Amino acid sequence: MSPKKRIMSGMRPTGKLHIGHYLGVLKNWVELQSEYDCYFAVADWHALTTKYDQTSELRQNVIDVVLDWLACGIDPNTSHIYVQSLVPQTAELHIYLSMITPQNWVERDPTLKDMVKAMRGDDENKNVELSYGLLGYPVLQSADIMTFNADLVPVGIDQVAHIEITRDIVRRFHHIYKTNFFNEPVPKLTQIPMLKGIDGQKMGKSFNNDIKISDDENTTTKKILKGITDRNRIKRDDPGQTDNCEVIYPYYKIFADEATCAIVKEECESAKRGCADCKKQLAELVNEHFRPIRAKRTELENNMDYVHKIIKEGSERAAAQAQVTLDEVRKIVKMY
């Protein structure tokens, strides 16, 4: 049998994950891990690129991310779960790659542009200084991928451009050092459902509009009861339009079967049910979906020695594989 192809992906530890992370990333990772050799990084160095002065919760954020991963089905016996800063080989590879990467390559990277735009989002922050580390963000991401010589990187269509800069860096490395060592990673496109926050905007912790994977059932219900529906429906006996329902009906299409969605649509548009009724039923569906995941997370929280063991051993295995790559790179570059 031929060896499995290798996948590398990761997340910045910004706190407990929300259901958008689950639907957009984690469900896909769980499916991939049986078919591929997977390396999943908790990217704590990347967190420092924008939150270098806000590290009081960084360690707990790392743990919360791992708890959510494990609860959702990432298997530490199948996949490599590791913390980025516990694999220092990536940092050394990043140095070598930063020496050969032209400045204009990183400046035009759309991921970096989006991060800068977010940091300078209002007039008060328009002159905020960019750190050297933030400018190197695209190269560090490339180092993450190349450290494990990954074949594929699961991304949404909006992230494909970043994989291209990694491919460009691989080609430049090969050209300069007359080698063909690295794979040119290709994007493995993922269909990411567009899940809005309860206020109809992009879901995110900073917007305080998210539903966390780890929220209890009462909290989840309260949040869903605040969800935006059809803004034109004023009274209970006004017919609604599910096509204009900004949050609640799109959630139904994710968490309910087709028959339930059809009933909801018919009863909404004929004013047989009000928005409050709709939200209560949706809350039950969402809570039912996440009940086993939340139970697993609680079980893990009560066995933190096991969780720390997973982080330690997964990072050690990742570092061992990373050292194989780095030893070869040092030979190619002709370091002492």
C-alpha atoms as a PDB file:
ATOM      1  CA  MET A   1       0.000   0.000   0.000  1.00  0.00           C
ATOM      2  CA  SER A   2       1.233   3.491  -0.821  1.00  0.00           C
ATOM      3  CA  PRO A   3       1.699   5.834   2.152  1.00  0.00           C
ATOM      4  CA  LYS A   4      -1.104   8.209   2.954  1.00  0.00           C
ATOM      5  CA  LYS A   5      -0.860  11.709   1.589  1.00  0.00           C
ATOM      6  CA  ARG A   6      -0.167  14.318   4.241  1.00  0.00           C
ATOM      7  CA  ILE A   7      -2.427  17.172   5.291  1.00  0.00           C
ATOM      8  CA  MET A   8      -1.486  20.158   7.434  1.00  0.00           C
ATOM      9  CA  SER A   9      -3.901  22.696   8.872  1.00  0.00           C
ATOM     10  CA  GLY A  10      -4.341  24.717  12.036  1.00  0.00           C
ATOM     11  CA  MET A  11      -6.208  27.330  14.034  1.00  0.00           C
ATOM     12  CA  ARG A  12      -5.178  30.356  16.037  1.00  0.00           C
ATOM     13  CA  PRO A  13      -6.120  29.934  19.705  1.00  0.00           C
ATOM     14  CA  THR A  14      -8.521  32.787  20.328  1.00  0.00           C
ATOM     15  CA  GLY A  15     -10.674  31.009  22.902  1.00  0.00           C
ATOM     16  CA  LYS A  16     -13.490  28.495  22.874  1.00  0.00           C
ATOM     17  CA  LEU A  17     -14.593  27.640  19.340  1.00  0.00           C
ATOM     18  CA  HIS A  18     -18.047  28.381  17.969  1.00  0.00           C
ATOM     19  CA  ILE A  19     -20.386  26.306  15.845  1.00  0.00           C
ATOM     20  CA  GLY A  20     -19.116  28.018  12.704  1.00  0.00           C
ATOM     21  CA  HIS A  21     -15.688  26.468  13.368  1.00  0.00           C
ATOM     22  CA  TYR A  22     -17.374  23.118  13.852  1.00  0.00           C
ATOM     23  CA  LEU A  23     -19.343  23.247  10.597  1.00  0.00           C
ATOM     24  CA  GLY A  24     -16.676  24.946   8.506  1.00  0.00           C
ATOM     25  CA  VAL A  25     -13.535  23.163   9.680  1.00  0.00           C
ATOM     26  CA  LEU A  26     -13.819  20.474  12.330  1.00  0.00           C
ATOM     27  CA  LYS A  27     -16.406  18.259  10.631  1.00  0.00           C
ATOM     28  CA  ASN A  28     -14.165  18.216   7.579  1.00  0.00           C
ATOM     29  CA  TRP A  29     -11.045  17.419   9.625  1.00  0.00           C
ATOM     30  CA  VAL A  30     -12.814  14.501  11.296  1.00  0.00           C
ATOM     31  CA  GLU A  31     -13.630  13.035   7.876  1.00  0.00           C
ATOM     32  CA  LEU A  32     -10.123  13.629   6.504  1.00  0.00           C
ATOM     33  CA  GLN A  33      -8.217  11.980   9.339  1.00  0.00           C
ATOM     34  CA  SER A  34      -9.139   8.438   8.328  1.00  0.00           C
ATOM     35  CA  GLU A  35      -7.862   8.946   4.785  1.00  0.00           C
ATOM     36  CA  TYR A  36      -4.817  11.190   5.278  1.00  0.00           C
ATOM     37  CA  ASP A  37      -1.820  11.608   7.560  1.00  0.00           C
ATOM     38  CA  CYS A  38      -3.026  14.740   9.352  1.00  0.00           C
ATOM     39  CA  TYR A  39      -1.081  17.391  11.271  1.00  0.00           C
ATOM     40  CA  PHE A  40      -3.313  19.855  13.116  1.00  0.00           C
ATOM     41  CA  ALA A  41      -1.616  22.838  14.771  1.00  0.00           C
ATOM     42  CA  VAL A  42      -2.790  25.102  17.541  1.00  0.00           C
ATOM     43  CA  ALA A  43      -1.049  28.146  16.070  1.00  0.00           C
ATOM     44  CA  ASP A  44      -0.073  30.110  19.172  1.00  0.00           C
ATOM     45  CA  TRP A  45       2.754  32.004  17.412  1.00  0.00           C
ATOM     46  CA  HIS A  46       0.212  33.256  14.907  1.00  0.00           C
ATOM     47  CA  ALA A  47      -1.926  34.495  17.782  1.00  0.00           C
ATOM     48  CA  LEU A  48       0.953  36.753  18.802  1.00  0.00           C
ATOM     49  CA  THR A  49       1.008  38.524  15.428  1.00  0.00           C
ATOM     50  CA  THR A  50      -2.010  40.599  16.459  1.00  0.00           C
ATOM     51  CA  LYS A  51      -2.378  39.875  20.205  1.00  0.00           C
ATOM     52  CA  TYR A  52       1.250  40.090  21.339  1.00  0.00           C
ATOM     53  CA  ASP A  53       0.236  42.321  24.249  1.00  0.00           C
ATOM     54  CA  GLN A  54      -2.758  40.187  25.280  1.00  0.00           C
ATOM     55  CA  THR A  55      -1.297  36.874  26.380  1.00  0.00           C
ATOM     56  CA  SER A  56      -2.865  36.412  29.815  1.00  0.00           C
ATOM     57  CA  GLU A  57      -5.373  33.888  28.441  1.00  0.00           C
ATOM     58  CA  LEU A  58      -3.174  32.345  25.729  1.00  0.00           C
ATOM     59  CA  ARG A  59      -2.408  29.070  27.522  1.00  0.00           C
ATOM     60  CA  GLN A  60      -6.035  28.519  28.467  1.00  0.00           C
ATOM     61  CA  ASN A  61      -7.074  29.360  24.908  1.00  0.00           C
ATOM     62  CA  VAL A  62      -4.725  26.648  23.635  1.00  0.00           C
ATOM     63  CA  ILE A  63      -6.312  24.129  25.997  1.00  0.00           C
ATOM     64  CA  ASP A  64      -9.838  25.201  25.035  1.00  0.00           C
ATOM     65  CA  VAL A  65      -9.089  24.687  21.350  1.00  0.00           C
ATOM     66  CA  VAL A  66      -7.730  21.192  21.988  1.00  0.00           C
ATOM     67  CA  LEU A  67     -10.746  20.336  24.164  1.00  0.00           C
ATOM     68  CA  ASP A  68     -13.090  21.397  21.363  1.00  0.00           C
ATOM     69  CA  TRP A  69     -11.115  19.429  18.779  1.00  0.00           C
ATOM     70  CA  LEU A  70     -11.166  16.264  20.837  1.00  0.00           C
ATOM     71  CA  ALA A  71     -14.843  16.632  21.734  1.00  0.00           C
ATOM     72  CA  CYS A  72     -15.754  17.037  18.056  1.00  0.00           C
ATOM     73  CA  GLY A  73     -13.929  13.856  17.068  1.00  0.00           C
ATOM     74  CA  ILE A  74     -10.306  14.657  16.245  1.00  0.00           C
ATOM     75  CA  ASP A  75      -8.574  11.417  17.234  1.00  0.00           C
ATOM     76  CA  PRO A  76      -5.097  11.832  18.790  1.00  0.00           C
ATOM     77  CA  ASN A  77      -4.334   8.200  17.909  1.00  0.00           C
ATOM     78  CA  THR A  78      -4.943   8.927  14.231  1.00  0.00           C
ATOM     79  CA  SER A  79      -4.032  12.607  13.810  1.00  0.00           C
ATOM     80  CA  HIS A  80      -1.094  14.631  15.103  1.00  0.00           C
ATOM     81  CA  ILE A  81      -2.413  17.328  17.452  1.00  0.00           C
ATOM     82  CA  TYR A  82       0.360  19.750  18.349  1.00  0.00           C
ATOM     83  CA  VAL A  83       1.061  23.235  19.629  1.00  0.00           C
ATOM     84  CA  GLN A  84       2.994  25.336  17.139  1.00  0.00           C
ATOM     85  CA  SER A  85       5.455  26.801  19.659  1.00  0.00           C
ATOM     86  CA  LEU A  86       6.374  23.295  20.840  1.00  0.00           C
ATOM     87  CA  VAL A  87       7.749  22.556  17.373  1.00  0.00           C
ATOM     88  CA  PRO A  88      10.661  25.053  17.199  1.00  0.00           C
ATOM     89  CA  GLN A  89      11.856  23.519  13.940  1.00  0.00           C
ATOM     90  CA  THR A  90       9.119  25.532  12.233  1.00  0.00           C
ATOM     91  CA  ALA A  91      10.674  28.759  13.492  1.00  0.00           C
ATOM     92  CA  GLU A  92      14.077  27.856  12.052  1.00  0.00           C
ATOM     93  CA  LEU A  93      12.542  26.911   8.711  1.00  0.00           C
ATOM     94  CA  HIS A  94      10.674  30.225   8.781  1.00  0.00           C
ATOM     95  CA  ILE A  95      14.020  32.040   9.035  1.00  0.00           C
ATOM     96  CA  TYR A  96      15.384  30.310   5.936  1.00  0.00           C
ATOM     97  CA  LEU A  97      12.201  30.978   3.973  1.00  0.00           C
ATOM     98  CA  SER A  98      12.083  34.625   5.056  1.00  0.00           C
ATOM     99  CA  MET A  99      15.564  35.120   3.588  1.00  0.00           C
ATOM    100  CA  ILE A 100      14.426  34.122   0.099  1.00  0.00           C
ATOM    101  CA  THR A 101      10.891  35.566   0.018  1.00  0.00           C
ATOM    102  CA  PRO A 102      10.589  38.941  -1.759  1.00  0.00           C
ATOM    103  CA  GLN A 103       8.958  41.699   0.261  1.00  0.00           C
ATOM    104  CA  ASN A 104       6.276  42.401  -2.329  1.00  0.00           C
ATOM    105  CA  TRP A 105       5.089  38.781  -2.151  1.00  0.00           C
ATOM    106  CA  VAL A 106       4.001  39.145   1.467  1.00  0.00           C
ATOM    107  CA  GLU A 107       2.623  42.652   0.965  1.00  0.00           C
ATOM    108  CA  ARG A 108       0.157  41.443  -1.656  1.00  0.00           C
ATOM    109  CA  ASP A 109      -0.979  38.380   0.290  1.00  0.00           C
ATOM    110  CA  PRO A 110      -4.755  38.702   0.790  1.00  0.00           C
ATOM    111  CA  THR A 111      -4.660  37.036   4.229  1.00  0.00           C
ATOM    112  CA  LEU A 112      -2.272  39.700   5.469  1.00  0.00           C
ATOM    113  CA  LYS A 113      -4.313  42.474   3.861  1.00  0.00           C
ATOM    114  CA  ASP A 114      -7.455  41.246   5.619  1.00  0.00           C
ATOM    115  CA  MET A 115      -5.676  41.152   8.967  1.00  0.00           C
ATOM    116  CA  VAL A 116      -4.317  44.673   8.520  1.00  0.00           C
ATOM    117  CA  LYS A 117      -7.752  45.915   7.489  1.00  0.00           C
ATOM    118  CA  ALA A 118      -9.279  44.358  10.600  1.00  0.00           C
ATOM    119  CA  MET A 119      -6.640  45.961  12.828  1.00  0.00           C
ATOM    120  CA  ARG A 120      -7.118  49.378  11.214  1.00  0.00           C
ATOM    121  CA  GLY A 121     -10.879  49.078  10.978  1.00  0.00           C
ATOM    122  CA  ASP A 122     -11.792  52.513  12.344  1.00  0.00           C
ATOM    123  CA  ASP A 123     -10.337  56.010  12.432  1.00  0.00           C
ATOM    124  CA  GLU A 124      -9.008  55.503  15.935  1.00  0.00           C
ATOM    125  CA  ASN A 125      -6.778  52.652  14.758  1.00  0.00           C
ATOM    126  CA  LYS A 126      -5.982  53.753  11.210  1.00  0.00           C
ATOM    127  CA  ASN A 127      -2.362  54.545  12.091  1.00  0.00           C
ATOM    128  CA  VAL A 128      -1.706  51.428  14.164  1.00  0.00           C
ATOM    129  CA  GLU A 129       1.814  50.131  13.651  1.00  0.00           C
ATOM    130  CA  LEU A 130       2.347  46.765  12.006  1.00  0.00           C
ATOM    131  CA  SER A 131       4.829  44.455  13.656  1.00  0.00           C
ATOM    132  CA  TYR A 132       7.612  42.679  11.808  1.00  0.00           C
ATOM    133  CA  GLY A 133       5.991  39.422  12.909  1.00  0.00           C
ATOM    134  CA  LEU A 134       2.657  40.328  11.338  1.00  0.00           C
ATOM    135  CA  LEU A 135       4.313  41.204   8.037  1.00  0.00           C
ATOM    136  CA  GLY A 136       5.948  37.778   8.099  1.00  0.00           C
ATOM    137  CA  TYR A 137       2.659  36.010   8.782  1.00  0.00           C
ATOM    138  CA  PRO A 138       2.327  34.540   5.241  1.00  0.00           C
ATOM    139  CA  VAL A 139       5.869  33.155   5.370  1.00  0.00           C
ATOM    140  CA  LEU A 140       5.306  31.595   8.782  1.00  0.00           C
ATOM    141  CA  GLN A 141       2.149  29.959   7.462  1.00  0.00           C
ATOM    142  CA  SER A 142       4.180  28.593   4.576  1.00  0.00           C
ATOM    143  CA  ALA A 143       6.721  27.266   7.062  1.00  0.00           C
ATOM    144  CA  ASP A 144       3.913  25.527   8.947  1.00  0.00           C
ATOM    145  CA  ILE A 145       2.948  23.675   5.782  1.00  0.00           C
ATOM    146  CA  MET A 146       6.473  22.971   4.558  1.00  0.00           C
ATOM    147  CA  THR A 147       7.709  21.768   7.954  1.00  0.00           C
ATOM    148  CA  PHE A 148       5.717  18.587   7.363  1.00  0.00           C
ATOM    149  CA  ASN A 149       6.124  18.644   3.582  1.00  0.00           C
ATOM    150  CA  ALA A 150       2.349  18.513   3.287  1.00  0.00           C
ATOM    151  CA  ASP A 151       0.704  17.414   0.072  1.00  0.00           C
ATOM    152  CA  LEU A 152      -2.638  19.098   0.723  1.00  0.00           C
ATOM    153  CA  VAL A 153      -4.064  21.941   2.762  1.00  0.00           C
ATOM    154  CA  PRO A 154      -7.837  21.990   3.402  1.00  0.00           C
ATOM    155  CA  VAL A 155      -9.140  25.513   2.763  1.00  0.00           C
ATOM    156  CA  GLY A 156     -12.189  27.403   1.630  1.00  0.00           C
ATOM    157  CA  ILE A 157     -12.152  29.056  -1.795  1.00  0.00           C
ATOM    158  CA  ASP A 158     -11.279  32.423  -0.222  1.00  0.00           C
ATOM    159  CA  GLN A 159      -8.007  31.024   1.144  1.00  0.00           C
ATOM    160  CA  VAL A 160      -6.616  29.519  -2.042  1.00  0.00           C
ATOM    161  CA  ALA A 161      -4.429  32.560  -2.695  1.00  0.00           C
ATOM    162  CA  HIS A 162      -2.446  31.858   0.438  1.00  0.00           C
ATOM    163  CA  ILE A 163      -1.593  28.347  -0.715  1.00  0.00           C
ATOM    164  CA  GLU A 164      -0.282  29.949  -3.890  1.00  0.00           C
ATOM    165  CA  ILE A 165       2.324  31.965  -1.989  1.00  0.00           C
ATOM    166  CA  THR A 166       3.486  28.736  -0.345  1.00  0.00           C
ATOM    167  CA  ARG A 167       3.793  27.118  -3.751  1.00  0.00           C
ATOM    168  CA  ASP A 168       5.731  30.175  -4.972  1.00  0.00           C
ATOM    169  CA  ILE A 169       8.102  29.931  -2.009  1.00  0.00           C
ATOM    170  CA  VAL A 170       8.627  26.213  -2.650  1.00  0.00           C
ATOM    171  CA  ARG A 171       9.511  26.911  -6.285  1.00  0.00           C
ATOM    172  CA  ARG A 172      11.864  29.727  -5.320  1.00  0.00           C
ATOM    173  CA  PHE A 173      13.595  27.517  -2.753  1.00  0.00           C
ATOM    174  CA  HIS A 174      14.032  24.816  -5.383  1.00  0.00           C
ATOM    175  CA  HIS A 175      15.366  27.300  -7.934  1.00  0.00           C
ATOM    176  CA  ILE A 176      17.878  28.928  -5.583  1.00  0.00           C
ATOM    177  CA  TYR A 177      19.209  25.741  -4.015  1.00  0.00           C
ATOM    178  CA  LYS A 178      18.931  23.469  -7.072  1.00  0.00           C
ATOM    179  CA  THR A 179      16.780  20.891  -5.326  1.00  0.00           C
ATOM    180  CA  ASN A 180      13.351  19.352  -5.581  1.00  0.00           C
ATOM    181  CA  PHE A 181      12.876  18.490  -1.928  1.00  0.00           C
ATOM    182  CA  PHE A 182       9.531  20.027  -1.017  1.00  0.00           C
ATOM    183  CA  ASN A 183       6.111  19.087  -2.283  1.00  0.00           C
ATOM    184  CA  GLU A 184       4.136  21.879  -3.887  1.00  0.00           C
ATOM    185  CA  PRO A 185       1.072  21.747  -1.634  1.00  0.00           C
ATOM    186  CA  VAL A 186      -2.304  21.992  -3.284  1.00  0.00           C
ATOM    187  CA  PRO A 187      -5.508  23.306  -1.730  1.00  0.00           C
ATOM    188  CA  LYS A 188      -8.102  20.716  -0.822  1.00  0.00           C
ATOM    189  CA  LEU A 189     -11.233  22.767  -1.274  1.00  0.00           C
ATOM    190  CA  THR A 190     -13.804  22.573   1.456  1.00  0.00           C
ATOM    191  CA  GLN A 191     -17.428  23.593   1.086  1.00  0.00           C
ATOM    192  CA  ILE A 192     -17.851  25.856   4.100  1.00  0.00           C
ATOM    193  CA  PRO A 193     -21.474  26.636   4.979  1.00  0.00           C
ATOM    194  CA  MET A 194     -22.096  30.346   5.453  1.00  0.00           C
ATOM    195  CA  LEU A 195     -23.252  30.524   9.053  1.00  0.00           C
ATOM    196  CA  LYS A 196     -24.009  34.009  10.316  1.00  0.00           C
ATOM    197  CA  GLY A 197     -23.918  35.138  13.904  1.00  0.00           C
ATOM    198  CA  ILE A 198     -27.216  35.585  15.735  1.00  0.00           C
ATOM    199  CA  ASP A 199     -27.257  39.275  14.739  1.00  0.00           C
ATOM    200  CA  GLY A 200     -26.984  38.483  11.028  1.00  0.00           C
ATOM    201  CA  GLN A 201     -23.341  39.536  10.790  1.00  0.00           C
ATOM    202  CA  LYS A 202     -20.256  37.346  10.394  1.00  0.00           C
ATOM    203  CA  MET A 203     -20.009  35.015  13.370  1.00  0.00           C
ATOM    204  CA  GLY A 204     -17.101  35.757  15.695  1.00  0.00           C
ATOM    205  CA  LYS A 205     -16.095  35.935  19.339  1.00  0.00           C
ATOM    206  CA  SER A 206     -15.128  39.591  19.032  1.00  0.00           C
ATOM    207  CA  PHE A 207     -18.640  40.437  17.766  1.00  0.00           C
ATOM    208  CA  ASN A 208     -20.297  38.691  20.723  1.00  0.00           C
ATOM    209  CA  ASN A 209     -22.728  37.043  18.315  1.00  0.00           C
ATOM    210  CA  ASP A 210     -21.533  33.453  18.315  1.00  0.00           C
ATOM    211  CA  ILE A 211     -22.838  30.188  19.728  1.00  0.00           C
ATOM    212  CA  LYS A 212     -19.984  28.266  21.291  1.00  0.00           C
ATOM    213  CA  ILE A 213     -19.578  24.535  20.847  1.00  0.00           C
ATOM    214  CA  SER A 214     -19.215  24.368  24.629  1.00  0.00           C
ATOM    215  CA  ASP A 215     -22.208  26.565  25.523  1.00  0.00           C
ATOM    216  CA  ASP A 216     -24.726  24.841  27.768  1.00  0.00           C
ATOM    217  CA  GLU A 217     -28.255  24.227  26.478  1.00  0.00           C
ATOM    218  CA  ASN A 218     -29.803  27.148  28.336  1.00  0.00           C
ATOM    219  CA  THR A 219     -27.209  29.591  26.968  1.00  0.00           C
ATOM    220  CA  THR A 220     -27.670  28.233  23.450  1.00  0.00           C
ATOM    221  CA  THR A 221     -31.434  28.658  23.677  1.00  0.00           C
ATOM    222  CA  LYS A 222     -31.154  32.227  24.952  1.00  0.00           C
ATOM    223  CA  LYS A 223     -28.827  33.135  22.086  1.00  0.00           C
ATOM    224  CA  ILE A 224     -31.036  31.570  19.433  1.00  0.00           C
ATOM    225  CA  LEU A 225     -34.068  33.412  20.821  1.00  0.00           C
ATOM    226  CA  LYS A 226     -32.220  36.632  19.944  1.00  0.00           C
ATOM    227  CA  GLY A 227     -31.585  35.497  16.368  1.00  0.00           C
ATOM    228  CA  ILE A 228     -32.618  37.728  13.464  1.00  0.00           C
ATOM    229  CA  THR A 229     -35.502  36.498  11.310  1.00  0.00           C
ATOM    230  CA  ASP A 230     -37.435  38.303   8.564  1.00  0.00           C
ATOM    231  CA  ARG A 231     -37.086  41.978   9.495  1.00  0.00           C
ATOM    232  CA  ASN A 232     -40.229  42.826   7.516  1.00  0.00           C
ATOM    233  CA  ARG A 233     -42.429  40.538   9.594  1.00  0.00           C
ATOM    234  CA  ILE A 234     -43.827  42.764  12.323  1.00  0.00           C
ATOM    235  CA  LYS A 235     -46.772  40.880  13.860  1.00  0.00           C
ATOM    236  CA  ARG A 236     -47.334  37.223  14.720  1.00  0.00           C
ATOM    237  CA  ASP A 237     -50.087  36.869  12.102  1.00  0.00           C
ATOM    238  CA  ASP A 238     -48.050  38.503   9.316  1.00  0.00           C
ATOM    239  CA  PRO A 239     -46.912  35.917   6.738  1.00  0.00           C
ATOM    240  CA  GLY A 240     -43.137  35.531   6.832  1.00  0.00           C
ATOM    241  CA  GLN A 241     -40.678  35.022   3.983  1.00  0.00           C
ATOM    242  CA  THR A 242     -38.081  32.354   4.721  1.00  0.00           C
ATOM    243  CA  ASP A 243     -35.931  33.705   1.874  1.00  0.00           C
ATOM    244  CA  ASN A 244     -35.649  36.932   3.882  1.00  0.00           C
ATOM    245  CA  CYS A 245     -34.989  35.186   7.196  1.00  0.00           C
ATOM    246  CA  GLU A 246     -31.412  36.190   7.934  1.00  0.00           C
ATOM    247  CA  VAL A 247     -30.378  33.698  10.610  1.00  0.00           C
ATOM    248  CA  ILE A 248     -33.003  31.271  11.871  1.00  0.00           C
ATOM    249  CA  TYR A 249     -34.176  29.553   8.664  1.00  0.00           C
ATOM    250  CA  PRO A 250     -30.609  29.164   7.301  1.00  0.00           C
ATOM    251  CA  TYR A 251     -29.798  27.387  10.576  1.00  0.00           C
ATOM    252  CA  TYR A 252     -32.745  25.056   9.969  1.00  0.00           C
ATOM    253  CA  LYS A 253     -31.267  24.106   6.607  1.00  0.00           C
ATOM    254  CA  ILE A 254     -28.131  22.973   8.430  1.00  0.00           C
ATOM    255  CA  PHE A 255     -29.545  21.327  11.553  1.00  0.00           C
ATOM    256  CA  ALA A 256     -32.916  19.978  10.351  1.00  0.00           C
ATOM    257  CA  ASP A 257     -33.906  17.431   7.722  1.00  0.00           C
ATOM    258  CA  GLU A 258     -35.672  18.393   4.500  1.00  0.00           C
ATOM    259  CA  ALA A 259     -39.115  17.426   5.776  1.00  0.00           C
ATOM    260  CA  THR A 260     -38.759  19.661   8.843  1.00  0.00           C
ATOM    261  CA  CYS A 261     -37.498  22.539   6.724  1.00  0.00           C
ATOM    262  CA  ALA A 262     -40.501  22.182   4.407  1.00  0.00           C
ATOM    263  CA  ILE A 263     -42.913  22.302   7.354  1.00  0.00           C
ATOM    264  CA  VAL A 264     -41.169  25.339   8.829  1.00  0.00           C
ATOM    265  CA  LYS A 265     -41.275  27.132   5.494  1.00  0.00           C
ATOM    266  CA  GLU A 266     -44.972  26.415   4.919  1.00  0.00           C
ATOM    267  CA  GLU A 267     -46.054  27.362   8.440  1.00  0.00           C
ATOM    268  CA  CYS A 268     -43.937  30.526   8.482  1.00  0.00           C
ATOM    269  CA  GLU A 269     -45.148  31.772   5.115  1.00  0.00           C
ATOM    270  CA  SER A 270     -48.777  31.054   5.986  1.00  0.00           C
ATOM    271  CA  ALA A 271     -48.420  32.660   9.440  1.00  0.00           C
ATOM    272  CA  LYS A 272     -49.281  29.391  11.184  1.00  0.00           C
ATOM    273  CA  ARG A 273     -46.253  29.817  13.424  1.00  0.00           C
ATOM    274  CA  GLY A 274     -44.507  32.824  14.843  1.00  0.00           C
ATOM    275  CA  CYS A 275     -40.799  33.520  14.959  1.00  0.00           C
ATOM    276  CA  ALA A 276     -40.597  32.695  18.685  1.00  0.00           C
ATOM    277  CA  ASP A 277     -42.003  29.212  18.027  1.00  0.00           C
ATOM    278  CA  CYS A 278     -39.530  28.743  15.216  1.00  0.00           C
ATOM    279  CA  LYS A 279     -36.598  29.745  17.396  1.00  0.00           C
ATOM    280  CA  LYS A 280     -37.600  27.417  20.229  1.00  0.00           C
ATOM    281  CA  GLN A 281     -37.754  24.435  17.884  1.00  0.00           C
ATOM    282  CA  LEU A 282     -34.411  25.375  16.349  1.00  0.00           C
ATOM    283  CA  ALA A 283     -32.818  25.610  19.798  1.00  0.00           C
ATOM    284  CA  GLU A 284     -33.958  22.060  20.520  1.00  0.00           C
ATOM    285  CA  LEU A 285     -32.409  20.841  17.261  1.00  0.00           C
ATOM    286  CA  VAL A 286     -29.086  22.598  17.858  1.00  0.00           C
ATOM    287  CA  ASN A 287     -28.882  21.369  21.447  1.00  0.00           C
ATOM    288  CA  GLU A 288     -29.692  17.837  20.350  1.00  0.00           C
ATOM    289  CA  HIS A 289     -26.925  17.983  17.741  1.00  0.00           C
ATOM    290  CA  PHE A 290     -24.263  19.165  20.176  1.00  0.00           C
ATOM    291  CA  ARG A 291     -25.378  17.190  23.251  1.00  0.00           C
ATOM    292  CA  PRO A 292     -22.905  14.270  22.777  1.00  0.00           C
ATOM    293  CA  ILE A 293     -20.092  16.663  21.845  1.00  0.00           C
ATOM    294  CA  ARG A 294     -20.669  18.742  24.960  1.00  0.00           C
ATOM    295  CA  ALA A 295     -20.854  15.621  27.124  1.00  0.00           C
ATOM    296  CA  LYS A 296     -17.506  14.484  25.706  1.00  0.00           C
ATOM    297  CA  ARG A 297     -15.984  17.899  26.383  1.00  0.00           C
ATOM    298  CA  THR A 298     -17.151  17.826  29.990  1.00  0.00           C
ATOM    299  CA  GLU A 299     -15.625  14.364  30.368  1.00  0.00           C
ATOM    300  CA  LEU A 300     -12.311  15.675  29.036  1.00  0.00           C
ATOM    301  CA  GLU A 301     -12.393  18.701  31.319  1.00  0.00           C
ATOM    302  CA  ASN A 302     -12.573  16.279  34.223  1.00  0.00           C
ATOM    303  CA  ASN A 303      -9.459  14.465  32.969  1.00  0.00           C
ATOM    304  CA  MET A 304      -7.033  17.275  32.199  1.00  0.00           C
ATOM    305  CA  ASP A 305      -3.963  15.084  32.775  1.00  0.00           C
ATOM    306  CA  TYR A 306      -5.052  13.116  29.726  1.00  0.00           C
ATOM    307  CA  VAL A 307      -5.512  16.300  27.676  1.00  0.00           C
ATOM    308  CA  HIS A 308      -2.065  17.633  28.630  1.00  0.00           C
ATOM    309  CA  LYS A 309      -0.609  14.227  27.749  1.00  0.00           C
ATOM    310  CA  ILE A 310      -2.173  14.427  24.287  1.00  0.00           C
ATOM    311  CA  ILE A 311      -0.703  17.907  23.729  1.00  0.00           C
ATOM    312  CA  LYS A 312       2.756  16.845  24.952  1.00  0.00           C
ATOM    313  CA  GLU A 313       2.972  13.587  23.024  1.00  0.00           C
ATOM    314  CA  GLY A 314       1.401  14.994  19.862  1.00  0.00           C
ATOM    315  CA  SER A 315       3.852  17.910  19.869  1.00  0.00           C
ATOM    316  CA  GLU A 316       6.789  15.567  20.442  1.00  0.00           C
ATOM    317  CA  ARG A 317       5.794  13.398  17.491  1.00  0.00           C
ATOM    318  CA  ALA A 318       5.304  16.469  15.321  1.00  0.00           C
ATOM    319  CA  ALA A 319       8.710  17.846  16.373  1.00  0.00           C
ATOM    320  CA  ALA A 320      10.388  14.550  15.484  1.00  0.00           C
ATOM    321  CA  GLN A 321       8.912  14.644  11.983  1.00  0.00           C
ATOM    322  CA  ALA A 322       9.754  18.340  11.666  1.00  0.00           C
ATOM    323  CA  GLN A 323      13.379  17.589  12.543  1.00  0.00           C
ATOM    324  CA  VAL A 324      13.589  15.197   9.596  1.00  0.00           C
ATOM    325  CA  THR A 325      12.576  18.067   7.306  1.00  0.00           C
ATOM    326  CA  LEU A 326      14.866  20.569   8.990  1.00  0.00           C
ATOM    327  CA  ASP A 327      17.928  18.286   8.857  1.00  0.00           C
ATOM    328  CA  GLU A 328      17.513  18.009   5.100  1.00  0.00           C
ATOM    329  CA  VAL A 329      16.927  21.754   4.685  1.00  0.00           C
ATOM    330  CA  ARG A 330      20.104  22.557   6.647  1.00  0.00           C
ATOM    331  CA  LYS A 331      22.058  20.267   4.300  1.00  0.00           C
ATOM    332  CA  ILE A 332      20.506  21.862   1.235  1.00  0.00           C
ATOM    333  CA  VAL A 333      21.218  25.410   2.442  1.00  0.00           C
ATOM    334  CA  LYS A 334      24.663  24.260   3.579  1.00  0.00           C
ATOM    335  CA  MET A 335      24.402  25.459   7.125  1.00  0.00           C
ATOM    336  CA  TYR A 336      27.283  24.583   9.464  1.00  0.00           C
END
